[in-house]
Amino acid sequence: MPDPSVVGTVFTLSPNAGSSNPVVLQSLTPAVWAVDTDTSSVSFLAEGTCSFTGDRAGNGNYEPAPQLVVTVTVTKQPQSITFDPALPSEALPNSCIQLTLPLADGTVRTALFKFK
């Protein structure tokens, strides 16, 4: 599992079989990430440090496995701003450029920038 991981990412874990008893996963920081015990997947929900445990019972041939604790740092996704077409590398004084800005909610805003 990558460390750091990114908010919004989902990983499916594949605990090894050993005694063939299931590995029981539990989130110690449910506000940061959630564990889906049905699918053995983890979802990173928020920025922060998150931990989970893995436990497996023993059987007639195997002792219980020592508890495993995993801690991962979760960060926000990086973002960048680009312009298409690219902005001019030079601009004349008092010239203007109009930019169209698509917003996350689907609306579009237009902005006029004046160079001094």
Protein backbone atom coordinates (compact mmCIF):
# COMPACT_ATOMS: atom_id res chain seq x y z
CA MET A 1 0.00 0.00 0.00
CA PRO A 2 1.55 3.32 -1.00
CA ASP A 3 2.51 5.72 1.76
CA PRO A 4 1.48 8.46 1.36
CA SER A 5 -1.85 7.57 -0.20
CA VAL A 6 -4.35 10.01 -1.70
CA VAL A 7 -7.86 10.96 -0.54
CA GLY A 8 -10.49 9.24 -2.70
CA THR A 9 -8.35 6.18 -3.46
CA VAL A 10 -9.68 2.66 -2.81
CA PHE A 11 -7.41 -0.37 -2.37
CA THR A 12 -8.37 -4.02 -2.17
CA LEU A 13 -6.21 -5.89 0.29
CA SER A 14 -5.25 -9.54 -0.18
CA PRO A 15 -4.32 -10.95 3.22
CA ASN A 16 -2.45 -14.26 2.94
CA ALA A 17 -4.23 -17.50 3.77
CA GLY A 18 -2.07 -19.15 6.47
CA SER A 19 -4.51 -21.10 8.63
CA SER A 20 -7.24 -20.43 6.05
CA ASN A 21 -9.11 -18.50 8.72
CA PRO A 22 -10.18 -15.04 7.52
CA VAL A 23 -8.09 -11.99 8.34
CA VAL A 24 -10.32 -9.53 10.19
CA LEU A 25 -9.59 -5.91 9.29
CA GLN A 26 -10.60 -2.98 11.49
CA SER A 27 -10.04 0.75 10.99
CA LEU A 28 -8.62 2.56 14.03
CA THR A 29 -9.23 5.94 12.36
CA PRO A 30 -12.66 5.70 10.65
CA ALA A 31 -12.81 9.46 9.96
CA VAL A 32 -9.72 9.12 7.73
CA TRP A 33 -10.40 5.77 6.10
CA ALA A 34 -12.95 3.02 6.09
CA VAL A 35 -12.50 -0.74 5.84
CA ASP A 36 -15.09 -2.80 3.96
CA THR A 37 -14.81 -6.19 5.66
CA ASP A 38 -16.88 -7.91 2.95
CA THR A 39 -14.48 -6.99 0.14
CA SER A 40 -11.25 -6.43 2.13
CA SER A 41 -10.98 -2.98 0.63
CA VAL A 42 -9.99 0.29 2.25
CA SER A 43 -11.20 3.74 1.18
CA PHE A 44 -9.22 6.86 2.01
CA LEU A 45 -11.79 9.44 3.12
CA ALA A 46 -9.84 12.43 4.44
CA GLU A 47 -6.37 13.85 4.88
CA GLY A 48 -4.49 12.62 7.95
CA THR A 49 -2.79 9.60 9.47
CA CYS A 50 -4.77 6.40 9.43
CA SER A 51 -4.26 3.00 10.96
CA PHE A 52 -5.92 -0.38 10.72
CA THR A 53 -5.41 -3.75 12.32
CA GLY A 54 -5.39 -7.21 10.86
CA ASP A 55 -6.19 -10.18 13.08
CA ARG A 56 -6.49 -13.91 12.35
CA ALA A 57 -7.60 -16.59 14.78
CA GLY A 58 -5.79 -19.87 15.09
CA ASN A 59 -7.17 -23.36 14.57
CA GLY A 60 -6.16 -26.96 15.38
CA ASN A 61 -2.92 -26.58 13.39
CA TYR A 62 -2.07 -22.89 13.76
CA GLU A 63 -1.59 -20.46 16.61
CA PRO A 64 -3.42 -17.11 16.28
CA ALA A 65 -1.43 -14.70 14.14
CA PRO A 66 0.15 -11.71 15.91
CA GLN A 67 -1.93 -8.60 15.33
CA LEU A 68 -0.70 -6.50 12.43
CA VAL A 69 -1.05 -2.70 12.67
CA VAL A 70 -0.61 -0.67 9.48
CA THR A 71 -0.31 3.12 9.49
CA VAL A 72 -0.46 5.21 6.32
CA THR A 73 -0.36 8.96 5.68
CA VAL A 74 -3.24 10.19 3.51
CA THR A 75 -2.79 13.41 1.56
CA LYS A 76 -5.06 15.51 -0.62
CA GLN A 77 -4.83 15.05 -4.37
CA PRO A 78 -2.53 17.53 -6.07
CA GLN A 79 -4.00 19.93 -8.56
CA SER A 80 -2.65 22.34 -11.09
CA ILE A 81 -3.83 25.15 -13.30
CA THR A 82 -3.15 25.20 -17.01
CA PHE A 83 -4.27 27.54 -19.74
CA ASP A 84 -5.36 26.40 -23.18
CA PRO A 85 -4.35 28.19 -25.25
CA ALA A 86 -1.22 29.04 -23.29
CA LEU A 87 -0.86 32.58 -21.96
CA PRO A 88 1.51 34.80 -23.88
CA SER A 89 5.04 34.99 -22.45
CA GLU A 90 4.96 38.77 -22.91
CA ALA A 91 2.13 41.27 -22.89
CA LEU A 92 1.91 44.90 -23.91
CA PRO A 93 1.04 47.42 -21.16
CA ASN A 94 -2.73 47.96 -20.85
CA SER A 95 -3.49 44.88 -22.96
CA CYS A 96 -6.16 42.45 -21.83
CA ILE A 97 -6.71 38.73 -21.96
CA GLN A 98 -10.03 36.98 -21.43
CA LEU A 99 -10.06 33.58 -19.69
CA THR A 100 -12.90 31.10 -19.52
CA LEU A 101 -12.93 29.27 -16.18
CA PRO A 102 -14.91 26.00 -15.92
CA LEU A 103 -15.93 25.41 -12.29
CA ALA A 104 -16.39 22.14 -10.43
CA ASP A 105 -20.19 22.58 -10.33
CA GLY A 106 -20.31 22.65 -14.14
CA THR A 107 -20.80 26.39 -14.51
CA VAL A 108 -18.40 28.55 -16.50
CA ARG A 109 -17.07 31.96 -15.53
CA THR A 110 -15.28 34.45 -17.72
CA ALA A 111 -12.56 36.68 -16.32
CA LEU A 112 -10.83 39.63 -17.97
CA PHE A 113 -7.22 40.32 -16.94
CA LYS A 114 -5.53 43.62 -17.72
CA PHE A 115 -1.73 43.87 -17.86
CA LYS A 116 -0.21 47.03 -16.39
